[in-house]
Amino acid sequence: MSAPQRPPVRPEPPPPRSPLSTFVEKAAYVAAPGTIALALLYYFGSVYVRAYYSALGVVPEDLGMSVQDVMAHSTSAIFFPLCALLVGGLGVFLLFGLAGRALDGPRLVVRRRTAIILLLVIGMAMVFVDSPALFSDVTLPFPEGWPLVFVPALMVALGATLALCAVHLRLAQSTDLRGRPRTHESDRVWLAIGALLIGMLTVSLFFDMAQYAGVIGHSDARHDAERGYQGRATVVVHSRVLLTHNARDIEFRDHGSGKGPYRYEYRGFQLLAKTPARFYLVSHTARYRDGVVVLPDDGTLWLEIRAAQGG
């Protein structure tokens, strides 16, 4: 007589989770990427602001710009490289898929293995040759100008992308490079290589975007100066004392002591920047590298701000 069968043991259900813990977990998935994105916007905006005002002769640390103002300038700094990055990322994903399909099948094992080795060797070589330019002042044989600024990091990004393609092809096949069945140990090694390559790709793209923010900030400042600072507010300075400045084409009037304490009037200035303690002014005919007139906001003068010139 057979023994009675025992009923199957059912696993205990997980303990119920409170609605608050579920909400906090879901909010973390949204808040963490959002915090990183805001931090990146602030960083690239600060790089742009520093380059822009430094090119015009204004000390960026004195501006005291708010976080919102700095982040508002980040759109000028990263709009183009971000669009290029999204388009390039889409192209890379399409190429990964096409490469996997083109080398799929048992008849193409040797060709697939050769492609993996070549992509990995070429990609890692590009990463190791060009990566010193990201962390030191090593001079690479690139032409002066924007190639020397942007190409080293782009070459690192391209090399990391090629090596990542090799990792993708290797992890998508059922055997290793020697034709033997895959093992968890070898897969872990390839996954670690892929993680390091993704980190190198991220660092190189971040470096190039920071370089672009600085270059475009300096370029925008020079462009605005060469166009006569169009769009800047014009001001009339009323001062208690005579001002010493070297700005050209500034009209001076002395209204005499009968016109009150602010007897001296200066016309022809444009407001470049304002800090809590200083006014940064330029002449309405100023051009790039012309001097900036810095006036204290200490009660010895007041500014009559007028509508900005059309641009």
C-alpha atoms as a PDB file:
ATOM      1  CA  MET A   1       0.000   0.000   0.000  1.00  0.00           C
ATOM      2  CA  SER A   2       1.583   3.257  -1.100  1.00  0.00           C
ATOM      3  CA  ALA A   3       2.093   6.106   1.309  1.00  0.00           C
ATOM      4  CA  PRO A   4      -0.328   8.999   0.976  1.00  0.00           C
ATOM      5  CA  GLN A   5       1.034  11.829  -1.102  1.00  0.00           C
ATOM      6  CA  ARG A   6       1.691  15.080   0.650  1.00  0.00           C
ATOM      7  CA  PRO A   7       0.191  18.209  -0.808  1.00  0.00           C
ATOM      8  CA  PRO A   8       2.757  20.442  -2.539  1.00  0.00           C
ATOM      9  CA  VAL A   9       4.243  23.118  -0.358  1.00  0.00           C
ATOM     10  CA  ARG A  10       3.207  26.509  -1.572  1.00  0.00           C
ATOM     11  CA  PRO A  11       5.752  29.285  -1.263  1.00  0.00           C
ATOM     12  CA  GLU A  12       4.859  31.960   1.184  1.00  0.00           C
ATOM     13  CA  PRO A  13       3.667  35.132  -0.479  1.00  0.00           C
ATOM     14  CA  PRO A  14       5.930  38.150  -0.089  1.00  0.00           C
ATOM     15  CA  PRO A  15       5.009  40.479   2.717  1.00  0.00           C
ATOM     16  CA  PRO A  16       2.667  43.235   1.644  1.00  0.00           C
ATOM     17  CA  ARG A  17       4.314  46.536   0.851  1.00  0.00           C
ATOM     18  CA  SER A  18       2.907  49.800   2.003  1.00  0.00           C
ATOM     19  CA  PRO A  19       1.672  52.268  -0.623  1.00  0.00           C
ATOM     20  CA  LEU A  20       4.246  54.776   0.637  1.00  0.00           C
ATOM     21  CA  SER A  21       7.230  52.488  -0.044  1.00  0.00           C
ATOM     22  CA  THR A  22       5.893  51.693  -3.512  1.00  0.00           C
ATOM     23  CA  PHE A  23       5.463  55.372  -4.262  1.00  0.00           C
ATOM     24  CA  VAL A  24       8.967  56.210  -3.000  1.00  0.00           C
ATOM     25  CA  GLU A  25      10.501  53.489  -5.173  1.00  0.00           C
ATOM     26  CA  LYS A  26       8.697  54.716  -8.280  1.00  0.00           C
ATOM     27  CA  ALA A  27       9.568  58.324  -7.488  1.00  0.00           C
ATOM     28  CA  ALA A  28      13.254  57.369  -7.221  1.00  0.00           C
ATOM     29  CA  TYR A  29      13.225  56.067 -10.805  1.00  0.00           C
ATOM     30  CA  VAL A  30      12.036  59.505 -11.936  1.00  0.00           C
ATOM     31  CA  ALA A  31      13.963  61.734  -9.520  1.00  0.00           C
ATOM     32  CA  ALA A  32      17.400  60.191 -10.030  1.00  0.00           C
ATOM     33  CA  PRO A  33      17.621  60.757 -13.812  1.00  0.00           C
ATOM     34  CA  GLY A  34      16.000  64.160 -13.394  1.00  0.00           C
ATOM     35  CA  THR A  35      18.581  65.201 -10.801  1.00  0.00           C
ATOM     36  CA  ILE A  36      21.433  64.089 -13.056  1.00  0.00           C
ATOM     37  CA  ALA A  37      19.942  65.971 -16.004  1.00  0.00           C
ATOM     38  CA  LEU A  38      19.552  69.172 -13.959  1.00  0.00           C
ATOM     39  CA  ALA A  39      23.113  68.863 -12.669  1.00  0.00           C
ATOM     40  CA  LEU A  40      24.431  68.470 -16.230  1.00  0.00           C
ATOM     41  CA  LEU A  41      22.398  71.468 -17.420  1.00  0.00           C
ATOM     42  CA  TYR A  42      23.811  73.582 -14.610  1.00  0.00           C
ATOM     43  CA  TYR A  43      27.376  72.470 -15.298  1.00  0.00           C
ATOM     44  CA  PHE A  44      27.279  73.120 -19.035  1.00  0.00           C
ATOM     45  CA  GLY A  45      25.465  76.410 -18.445  1.00  0.00           C
ATOM     46  CA  SER A  46      28.149  77.535 -15.998  1.00  0.00           C
ATOM     47  CA  VAL A  47      30.887  76.636 -18.501  1.00  0.00           C
ATOM     48  CA  TYR A  48      29.093  78.668 -21.179  1.00  0.00           C
ATOM     49  CA  VAL A  49      28.565  81.680 -18.886  1.00  0.00           C
ATOM     50  CA  ARG A  50      32.191  81.646 -17.746  1.00  0.00           C
ATOM     51  CA  ALA A  51      33.510  81.526 -21.308  1.00  0.00           C
ATOM     52  CA  TYR A  52      31.058  84.176 -22.553  1.00  0.00           C
ATOM     53  CA  TYR A  53      31.703  86.840 -19.942  1.00  0.00           C
ATOM     54  CA  SER A  54      35.418  86.116 -19.634  1.00  0.00           C
ATOM     55  CA  ALA A  55      35.756  86.833 -23.358  1.00  0.00           C
ATOM     56  CA  LEU A  56      34.078  90.225 -22.827  1.00  0.00           C
ATOM     57  CA  GLY A  57      36.279  91.196 -19.885  1.00  0.00           C
ATOM     58  CA  VAL A  58      33.765  90.558 -17.094  1.00  0.00           C
ATOM     59  CA  VAL A  59      34.748  88.516 -14.052  1.00  0.00           C
ATOM     60  CA  PRO A  60      32.230  85.624 -14.015  1.00  0.00           C
ATOM     61  CA  GLU A  61      32.537  85.081 -10.257  1.00  0.00           C
ATOM     62  CA  ASP A  62      31.256  88.631  -9.627  1.00  0.00           C
ATOM     63  CA  LEU A  63      27.998  88.133 -11.508  1.00  0.00           C
ATOM     64  CA  GLY A  64      26.260  86.115  -8.817  1.00  0.00           C
ATOM     65  CA  MET A  65      23.879  84.541 -11.313  1.00  0.00           C
ATOM     66  CA  SER A  66      21.090  82.359  -9.976  1.00  0.00           C
ATOM     67  CA  VAL A  67      20.788  78.667 -10.729  1.00  0.00           C
ATOM     68  CA  GLN A  68      17.851  79.383 -13.049  1.00  0.00           C
ATOM     69  CA  ASP A  69      19.869  81.938 -15.037  1.00  0.00           C
ATOM     70  CA  VAL A  70      22.789  79.557 -15.434  1.00  0.00           C
ATOM     71  CA  MET A  71      20.540  76.701 -16.534  1.00  0.00           C
ATOM     72  CA  ALA A  72      18.778  78.983 -19.007  1.00  0.00           C
ATOM     73  CA  HIS A  73      22.125  79.551 -20.745  1.00  0.00           C
ATOM     74  CA  SER A  74      22.706  75.801 -21.011  1.00  0.00           C
ATOM     75  CA  THR A  75      20.357  75.557 -24.002  1.00  0.00           C
ATOM     76  CA  SER A  76      22.808  77.591 -26.067  1.00  0.00           C
ATOM     77  CA  ALA A  77      25.633  75.363 -24.890  1.00  0.00           C
ATOM     78  CA  ILE A  78      24.282  71.860 -25.487  1.00  0.00           C
ATOM     79  CA  PHE A  79      21.432  72.090 -28.009  1.00  0.00           C
ATOM     80  CA  PHE A  80      23.503  71.196 -31.074  1.00  0.00           C
ATOM     81  CA  PRO A  81      25.733  68.509 -29.475  1.00  0.00           C
ATOM     82  CA  LEU A  82      22.699  66.954 -27.777  1.00  0.00           C
ATOM     83  CA  CYS A  83      20.851  66.703 -31.097  1.00  0.00           C
ATOM     84  CA  ALA A  84      23.976  65.256 -32.727  1.00  0.00           C
ATOM     85  CA  LEU A  85      24.338  62.789 -29.837  1.00  0.00           C
ATOM     86  CA  LEU A  86      20.730  61.597 -30.171  1.00  0.00           C
ATOM     87  CA  VAL A  87      21.033  61.170 -33.929  1.00  0.00           C
ATOM     88  CA  GLY A  88      24.392  59.431 -33.543  1.00  0.00           C
ATOM     89  CA  GLY A  89      23.019  57.124 -30.852  1.00  0.00           C
ATOM     90  CA  LEU A  90      20.123  56.158 -33.087  1.00  0.00           C
ATOM     91  CA  GLY A  91      22.555  55.432 -35.914  1.00  0.00           C
ATOM     92  CA  VAL A  92      24.762  53.326 -33.629  1.00  0.00           C
ATOM     93  CA  PHE A  93      21.828  51.194 -32.460  1.00  0.00           C
ATOM     94  CA  LEU A  94      20.758  50.637 -36.065  1.00  0.00           C
ATOM     95  CA  LEU A  95      24.307  49.649 -37.037  1.00  0.00           C
ATOM     96  CA  PHE A  96      24.509  47.227 -34.091  1.00  0.00           C
ATOM     97  CA  GLY A  97      21.322  45.549 -35.267  1.00  0.00           C
ATOM     98  CA  LEU A  98      22.432  45.413 -38.900  1.00  0.00           C
ATOM     99  CA  ALA A  99      25.838  44.021 -37.958  1.00  0.00           C
ATOM    100  CA  GLY A 100      24.234  41.315 -35.841  1.00  0.00           C
ATOM    101  CA  ARG A 101      21.888  40.295 -38.636  1.00  0.00           C
ATOM    102  CA  ALA A 102      24.569  40.421 -41.343  1.00  0.00           C
ATOM    103  CA  LEU A 103      26.872  38.105 -39.366  1.00  0.00           C
ATOM    104  CA  ASP A 104      24.185  35.767 -38.063  1.00  0.00           C
ATOM    105  CA  GLY A 105      24.073  32.109 -39.041  1.00  0.00           C
ATOM    106  CA  PRO A 106      26.290  29.019 -38.707  1.00  0.00           C
ATOM    107  CA  ARG A 107      27.996  29.627 -42.058  1.00  0.00           C
ATOM    108  CA  LEU A 108      29.360  32.991 -40.924  1.00  0.00           C
ATOM    109  CA  VAL A 109      30.971  31.871 -37.669  1.00  0.00           C
ATOM    110  CA  VAL A 110      34.516  32.505 -38.866  1.00  0.00           C
ATOM    111  CA  ARG A 111      33.628  35.872 -40.369  1.00  0.00           C
ATOM    112  CA  ARG A 112      31.778  36.857 -37.215  1.00  0.00           C
ATOM    113  CA  ARG A 113      34.747  35.871 -35.066  1.00  0.00           C
ATOM    114  CA  THR A 114      37.101  37.886 -37.285  1.00  0.00           C
ATOM    115  CA  ALA A 115      34.808  40.910 -37.099  1.00  0.00           C
ATOM    116  CA  ILE A 116      34.701  40.714 -33.293  1.00  0.00           C
ATOM    117  CA  ILE A 117      38.500  40.558 -33.017  1.00  0.00           C
ATOM    118  CA  LEU A 118      39.075  43.391 -35.508  1.00  0.00           C
ATOM    119  CA  LEU A 119      36.469  45.683 -33.951  1.00  0.00           C
ATOM    120  CA  LEU A 120      37.803  45.045 -30.462  1.00  0.00           C
ATOM    121  CA  VAL A 121      41.465  45.557 -31.399  1.00  0.00           C
ATOM    122  CA  ILE A 122      40.852  48.695 -33.480  1.00  0.00           C
ATOM    123  CA  GLY A 123      38.473  50.182 -30.907  1.00  0.00           C
ATOM    124  CA  MET A 124      40.762  49.560 -27.928  1.00  0.00           C
ATOM    125  CA  ALA A 125      43.734  50.932 -29.856  1.00  0.00           C
ATOM    126  CA  MET A 126      41.856  54.159 -30.587  1.00  0.00           C
ATOM    127  CA  VAL A 127      40.842  54.436 -26.928  1.00  0.00           C
ATOM    128  CA  PHE A 128      44.368  53.921 -25.580  1.00  0.00           C
ATOM    129  CA  VAL A 129      46.040  56.213 -28.130  1.00  0.00           C
ATOM    130  CA  ASP A 130      43.677  59.185 -27.775  1.00  0.00           C
ATOM    131  CA  SER A 131      42.565  58.953 -24.139  1.00  0.00           C
ATOM    132  CA  PRO A 132      45.707  60.687 -22.721  1.00  0.00           C
ATOM    133  CA  ALA A 133      44.494  63.930 -24.334  1.00  0.00           C
ATOM    134  CA  LEU A 134      41.451  63.841 -22.029  1.00  0.00           C
ATOM    135  CA  PHE A 135      43.446  63.742 -18.795  1.00  0.00           C
ATOM    136  CA  SER A 136      46.688  65.594 -19.559  1.00  0.00           C
ATOM    137  CA  ASP A 137      48.273  68.216 -21.796  1.00  0.00           C
ATOM    138  CA  VAL A 138      49.612  65.623 -24.201  1.00  0.00           C
ATOM    139  CA  THR A 139      49.788  67.140 -27.687  1.00  0.00           C
ATOM    140  CA  LEU A 140      48.372  64.904 -30.387  1.00  0.00           C
ATOM    141  CA  PRO A 141      49.151  65.313 -34.099  1.00  0.00           C
ATOM    142  CA  PHE A 142      45.950  67.139 -35.023  1.00  0.00           C
ATOM    143  CA  PRO A 143      45.689  70.521 -36.774  1.00  0.00           C
ATOM    144  CA  GLU A 144      45.304  73.617 -34.640  1.00  0.00           C
ATOM    145  CA  GLY A 145      41.813  74.940 -33.996  1.00  0.00           C
ATOM    146  CA  TRP A 146      38.653  72.919 -33.522  1.00  0.00           C
ATOM    147  CA  PRO A 147      40.227  69.593 -34.661  1.00  0.00           C
ATOM    148  CA  LEU A 148      42.711  69.747 -31.795  1.00  0.00           C
ATOM    149  CA  VAL A 149      39.890  70.635 -29.378  1.00  0.00           C
ATOM    150  CA  PHE A 150      37.233  68.111 -30.349  1.00  0.00           C
ATOM    151  CA  VAL A 151      38.802  65.293 -32.370  1.00  0.00           C
ATOM    152  CA  PRO A 152      40.726  63.469 -29.569  1.00  0.00           C
ATOM    153  CA  ALA A 153      37.602  62.903 -27.479  1.00  0.00           C
ATOM    154  CA  LEU A 154      35.601  62.009 -30.590  1.00  0.00           C
ATOM    155  CA  MET A 155      38.217  59.420 -31.499  1.00  0.00           C
ATOM    156  CA  VAL A 156      37.956  57.927 -28.008  1.00  0.00           C
ATOM    157  CA  ALA A 157      34.163  57.826 -28.340  1.00  0.00           C
ATOM    158  CA  LEU A 158      34.419  56.204 -31.768  1.00  0.00           C
ATOM    159  CA  GLY A 159      36.907  53.619 -30.504  1.00  0.00           C
ATOM    160  CA  ALA A 160      34.724  52.793 -27.506  1.00  0.00           C
ATOM    161  CA  THR A 161      31.725  52.426 -29.838  1.00  0.00           C
ATOM    162  CA  LEU A 162      33.594  50.004 -32.111  1.00  0.00           C
ATOM    163  CA  ALA A 163      34.712  47.948 -29.124  1.00  0.00           C
ATOM    164  CA  LEU A 164      31.156  47.952 -27.759  1.00  0.00           C
ATOM    165  CA  CYS A 165      29.974  46.605 -31.094  1.00  0.00           C
ATOM    166  CA  ALA A 166      32.464  43.750 -30.680  1.00  0.00           C
ATOM    167  CA  VAL A 167      31.136  43.059 -27.168  1.00  0.00           C
ATOM    168  CA  HIS A 168      27.563  43.112 -28.494  1.00  0.00           C
ATOM    169  CA  LEU A 169      28.407  40.587 -31.229  1.00  0.00           C
ATOM    170  CA  ARG A 170      30.246  38.349 -28.765  1.00  0.00           C
ATOM    171  CA  LEU A 171      27.409  38.273 -26.226  1.00  0.00           C
ATOM    172  CA  ALA A 172      24.828  37.626 -28.957  1.00  0.00           C
ATOM    173  CA  GLN A 173      26.436  34.344 -30.081  1.00  0.00           C
ATOM    174  CA  SER A 174      26.211  30.943 -28.390  1.00  0.00           C
ATOM    175  CA  THR A 175      29.961  30.202 -28.456  1.00  0.00           C
ATOM    176  CA  ASP A 176      33.119  32.010 -27.460  1.00  0.00           C
ATOM    177  CA  LEU A 177      35.841  33.192 -29.851  1.00  0.00           C
ATOM    178  CA  ARG A 178      37.373  29.688 -29.964  1.00  0.00           C
ATOM    179  CA  GLY A 179      34.098  28.001 -30.893  1.00  0.00           C
ATOM    180  CA  ARG A 180      33.546  26.496 -27.421  1.00  0.00           C
ATOM    181  CA  PRO A 181      30.255  26.828 -25.521  1.00  0.00           C
ATOM    182  CA  ARG A 182      29.843  30.030 -23.556  1.00  0.00           C
ATOM    183  CA  THR A 183      30.480  30.047 -19.814  1.00  0.00           C
ATOM    184  CA  HIS A 184      29.296  32.412 -17.109  1.00  0.00           C
ATOM    185  CA  GLU A 185      32.892  33.385 -16.300  1.00  0.00           C
ATOM    186  CA  SER A 186      33.674  34.499 -19.839  1.00  0.00           C
ATOM    187  CA  ASP A 187      30.367  36.316 -20.107  1.00  0.00           C
ATOM    188  CA  ARG A 188      31.123  38.215 -16.912  1.00  0.00           C
ATOM    189  CA  VAL A 189      34.472  39.287 -18.338  1.00  0.00           C
ATOM    190  CA  TRP A 190      32.863  40.567 -21.523  1.00  0.00           C
ATOM    191  CA  LEU A 191      30.133  42.337 -19.543  1.00  0.00           C
ATOM    192  CA  ALA A 192      32.824  44.021 -17.424  1.00  0.00           C
ATOM    193  CA  ILE A 193      34.631  45.104 -20.603  1.00  0.00           C
ATOM    194  CA  GLY A 194      31.370  46.517 -21.955  1.00  0.00           C
ATOM    195  CA  ALA A 195      30.713  48.430 -18.723  1.00  0.00           C
ATOM    196  CA  LEU A 196      34.195  49.965 -18.821  1.00  0.00           C
ATOM    197  CA  LEU A 197      33.739  50.906 -22.474  1.00  0.00           C
ATOM    198  CA  ILE A 198      30.400  52.561 -21.707  1.00  0.00           C
ATOM    199  CA  GLY A 199      32.133  54.543 -18.959  1.00  0.00           C
ATOM    200  CA  MET A 200      34.894  55.623 -21.344  1.00  0.00           C
ATOM    201  CA  LEU A 201      32.305  56.569 -23.958  1.00  0.00           C
ATOM    202  CA  THR A 202      30.404  58.651 -21.395  1.00  0.00           C
ATOM    203  CA  VAL A 203      33.558  60.424 -20.201  1.00  0.00           C
ATOM    204  CA  SER A 204      34.688  61.271 -23.731  1.00  0.00           C
ATOM    205  CA  LEU A 205      31.270  62.629 -24.744  1.00  0.00           C
ATOM    206  CA  PHE A 206      31.045  64.633 -21.509  1.00  0.00           C
ATOM    207  CA  PHE A 207      34.512  66.062 -22.125  1.00  0.00           C
ATOM    208  CA  ASP A 208      33.639  67.078 -25.683  1.00  0.00           C
ATOM    209  CA  MET A 209      30.334  68.674 -24.658  1.00  0.00           C
ATOM    210  CA  ALA A 210      32.137  70.705 -21.989  1.00  0.00           C
ATOM    211  CA  GLN A 211      34.701  71.777 -24.578  1.00  0.00           C
ATOM    212  CA  TYR A 212      31.884  72.734 -26.952  1.00  0.00           C
ATOM    213  CA  ALA A 213      30.134  74.796 -24.250  1.00  0.00           C
ATOM    214  CA  GLY A 214      33.317  76.804 -23.654  1.00  0.00           C
ATOM    215  CA  VAL A 215      34.042  77.308 -27.357  1.00  0.00           C
ATOM    216  CA  ILE A 216      30.482  78.354 -28.211  1.00  0.00           C
ATOM    217  CA  GLY A 217      30.403  80.731 -25.232  1.00  0.00           C
ATOM    218  CA  HIS A 218      33.557  82.482 -26.430  1.00  0.00           C
ATOM    219  CA  SER A 219      32.257  82.504 -30.019  1.00  0.00           C
ATOM    220  CA  ASP A 220      28.894  83.982 -29.019  1.00  0.00           C
ATOM    221  CA  ALA A 221      30.609  86.716 -27.014  1.00  0.00           C
ATOM    222  CA  ARG A 222      32.809  87.663 -29.948  1.00  0.00           C
ATOM    223  CA  HIS A 223      29.834  87.598 -32.326  1.00  0.00           C
ATOM    224  CA  ASP A 224      27.746  89.844 -30.050  1.00  0.00           C
ATOM    225  CA  ALA A 225      30.641  92.277 -29.663  1.00  0.00           C
ATOM    226  CA  GLU A 226      31.308  92.479 -33.394  1.00  0.00           C
ATOM    227  CA  ARG A 227      27.604  93.224 -33.994  1.00  0.00           C
ATOM    228  CA  GLY A 228      27.773  96.148 -31.584  1.00  0.00           C
ATOM    229  CA  TYR A 229      26.097  94.435 -28.626  1.00  0.00           C
ATOM    230  CA  GLN A 230      22.709  94.607 -30.299  1.00  0.00           C
ATOM    231  CA  GLY A 231      19.884  93.874 -27.902  1.00  0.00           C
ATOM    232  CA  ARG A 232      21.665  95.373 -24.890  1.00  0.00           C
ATOM    233  CA  ALA A 233      19.925  98.063 -22.902  1.00  0.00           C
ATOM    234  CA  THR A 234      21.278 101.601 -23.351  1.00  0.00           C
ATOM    235  CA  VAL A 235      21.898 103.667 -20.244  1.00  0.00           C
ATOM    236  CA  VAL A 236      22.503 107.268 -19.305  1.00  0.00           C
ATOM    237  CA  VAL A 237      24.825 107.646 -16.321  1.00  0.00           C
ATOM    238  CA  HIS A 238      24.127 110.465 -13.846  1.00  0.00           C
ATOM    239  CA  SER A 239      27.049 110.890 -11.476  1.00  0.00           C
ATOM    240  CA  ARG A 240      27.988 113.027  -8.504  1.00  0.00           C
ATOM    241  CA  VAL A 241      31.678 112.917  -9.455  1.00  0.00           C
ATOM    242  CA  LEU A 242      33.665 112.988 -12.665  1.00  0.00           C
ATOM    243  CA  LEU A 243      34.202 109.530 -14.076  1.00  0.00           C
ATOM    244  CA  THR A 244      37.524 108.339 -15.430  1.00  0.00           C
ATOM    245  CA  HIS A 245      37.105 105.907 -18.326  1.00  0.00           C
ATOM    246  CA  ASN A 246      38.586 105.110 -21.732  1.00  0.00           C
ATOM    247  CA  ALA A 247      35.357 104.262 -23.593  1.00  0.00           C
ATOM    248  CA  ARG A 248      35.108 106.053 -26.928  1.00  0.00           C
ATOM    249  CA  ASP A 249      32.166 107.979 -28.357  1.00  0.00           C
ATOM    250  CA  ILE A 250      30.713 108.796 -24.943  1.00  0.00           C
ATOM    251  CA  GLU A 251      28.924 112.151 -24.721  1.00  0.00           C
ATOM    252  CA  PHE A 252      29.672 114.136 -21.550  1.00  0.00           C
ATOM    253  CA  ARG A 253      27.569 116.953 -20.118  1.00  0.00           C
ATOM    254  CA  ASP A 254      28.102 119.087 -17.026  1.00  0.00           C
ATOM    255  CA  HIS A 255      24.769 120.521 -15.914  1.00  0.00           C
ATOM    256  CA  GLY A 256      26.354 122.632 -13.185  1.00  0.00           C
ATOM    257  CA  SER A 257      25.735 122.720  -9.473  1.00  0.00           C
ATOM    258  CA  GLY A 258      22.256 124.147  -9.955  1.00  0.00           C
ATOM    259  CA  LYS A 259      20.958 120.839 -11.363  1.00  0.00           C
ATOM    260  CA  GLY A 260      21.372 118.951  -8.105  1.00  0.00           C
ATOM    261  CA  PRO A 261      24.047 116.583  -6.844  1.00  0.00           C
ATOM    262  CA  TYR A 262      24.098 114.392  -9.996  1.00  0.00           C
ATOM    263  CA  ARG A 263      25.455 117.143 -12.200  1.00  0.00           C
ATOM    264  CA  TYR A 264      27.542 114.999 -14.584  1.00  0.00           C
ATOM    265  CA  GLU A 265      25.835 113.088 -17.368  1.00  0.00           C
ATOM    266  CA  TYR A 266      27.332 110.436 -19.663  1.00  0.00           C
ATOM    267  CA  ARG A 267      25.465 109.201 -22.739  1.00  0.00           C
ATOM    268  CA  GLY A 268      26.400 106.383 -25.103  1.00  0.00           C
ATOM    269  CA  PHE A 269      26.819 103.476 -22.717  1.00  0.00           C
ATOM    270  CA  GLN A 270      25.253 100.027 -22.953  1.00  0.00           C
ATOM    271  CA  LEU A 271      24.637  97.760 -19.990  1.00  0.00           C
ATOM    272  CA  LEU A 272      26.680  94.597 -20.340  1.00  0.00           C
ATOM    273  CA  ALA A 273      26.071  93.098 -16.895  1.00  0.00           C
ATOM    274  CA  LYS A 274      24.894  94.043 -13.417  1.00  0.00           C
ATOM    275  CA  THR A 275      26.037  92.606 -10.117  1.00  0.00           C
ATOM    276  CA  PRO A 276      24.859  93.570  -6.627  1.00  0.00           C
ATOM    277  CA  ALA A 277      27.813  95.977  -6.278  1.00  0.00           C
ATOM    278  CA  ARG A 278      28.892  96.904  -9.822  1.00  0.00           C
ATOM    279  CA  PHE A 279      27.719  98.000 -13.253  1.00  0.00           C
ATOM    280  CA  TYR A 280      29.577  96.696 -16.313  1.00  0.00           C
ATOM    281  CA  LEU A 281      29.190  99.135 -19.204  1.00  0.00           C
ATOM    282  CA  VAL A 282      30.495  99.335 -22.764  1.00  0.00           C
ATOM    283  CA  SER A 283      30.302 102.038 -25.387  1.00  0.00           C
ATOM    284  CA  HIS A 284      27.558 101.783 -28.000  1.00  0.00           C
ATOM    285  CA  THR A 285      30.342 101.651 -30.611  1.00  0.00           C
ATOM    286  CA  ALA A 286      32.497  99.137 -28.732  1.00  0.00           C
ATOM    287  CA  ARG A 287      33.826  96.091 -30.523  1.00  0.00           C
ATOM    288  CA  TYR A 288      35.507  92.870 -29.490  1.00  0.00           C
ATOM    289  CA  ARG A 289      38.343  93.322 -26.963  1.00  0.00           C
ATOM    290  CA  ASP A 290      37.381  96.933 -26.240  1.00  0.00           C
ATOM    291  CA  GLY A 291      37.565  97.903 -22.590  1.00  0.00           C
ATOM    292  CA  VAL A 292      34.704  97.454 -20.142  1.00  0.00           C
ATOM    293  CA  VAL A 293      33.850 100.330 -17.788  1.00  0.00           C
ATOM    294  CA  VAL A 294      33.159  99.088 -14.253  1.00  0.00           C
ATOM    295  CA  LEU A 295      31.204 101.493 -12.044  1.00  0.00           C
ATOM    296  CA  PRO A 296      30.399 100.912  -8.371  1.00  0.00           C
ATOM    297  CA  ASP A 297      26.807 100.825  -7.204  1.00  0.00           C
ATOM    298  CA  ASP A 298      27.510 102.860  -4.089  1.00  0.00           C
ATOM    299  CA  GLY A 299      25.174 105.835  -4.392  1.00  0.00           C
ATOM    300  CA  THR A 300      27.586 108.139  -6.222  1.00  0.00           C
ATOM    301  CA  LEU A 301      25.706 107.578  -9.492  1.00  0.00           C
ATOM    302  CA  TRP A 302      22.451 106.269 -10.886  1.00  0.00           C
ATOM    303  CA  LEU A 303      21.650 104.753 -14.244  1.00  0.00           C
ATOM    304  CA  GLU A 304      18.769 105.711 -16.488  1.00  0.00           C
ATOM    305  CA  ILE A 305      18.044 102.482 -18.346  1.00  0.00           C
ATOM    306  CA  ARG A 306      16.336 102.775 -21.706  1.00  0.00           C
ATOM    307  CA  ALA A 307      14.935 100.385 -24.282  1.00  0.00           C
ATOM    308  CA  ALA A 308      17.361  98.010 -25.926  1.00  0.00           C
ATOM    309  CA  GLN A 309      18.521  98.668 -29.460  1.00  0.00           C
ATOM    310  CA  GLY A 310      16.944  96.575 -32.176  1.00  0.00           C
ATOM    311  CA  GLY A 311      18.962  93.690 -33.573  1.00  0.00           C
END
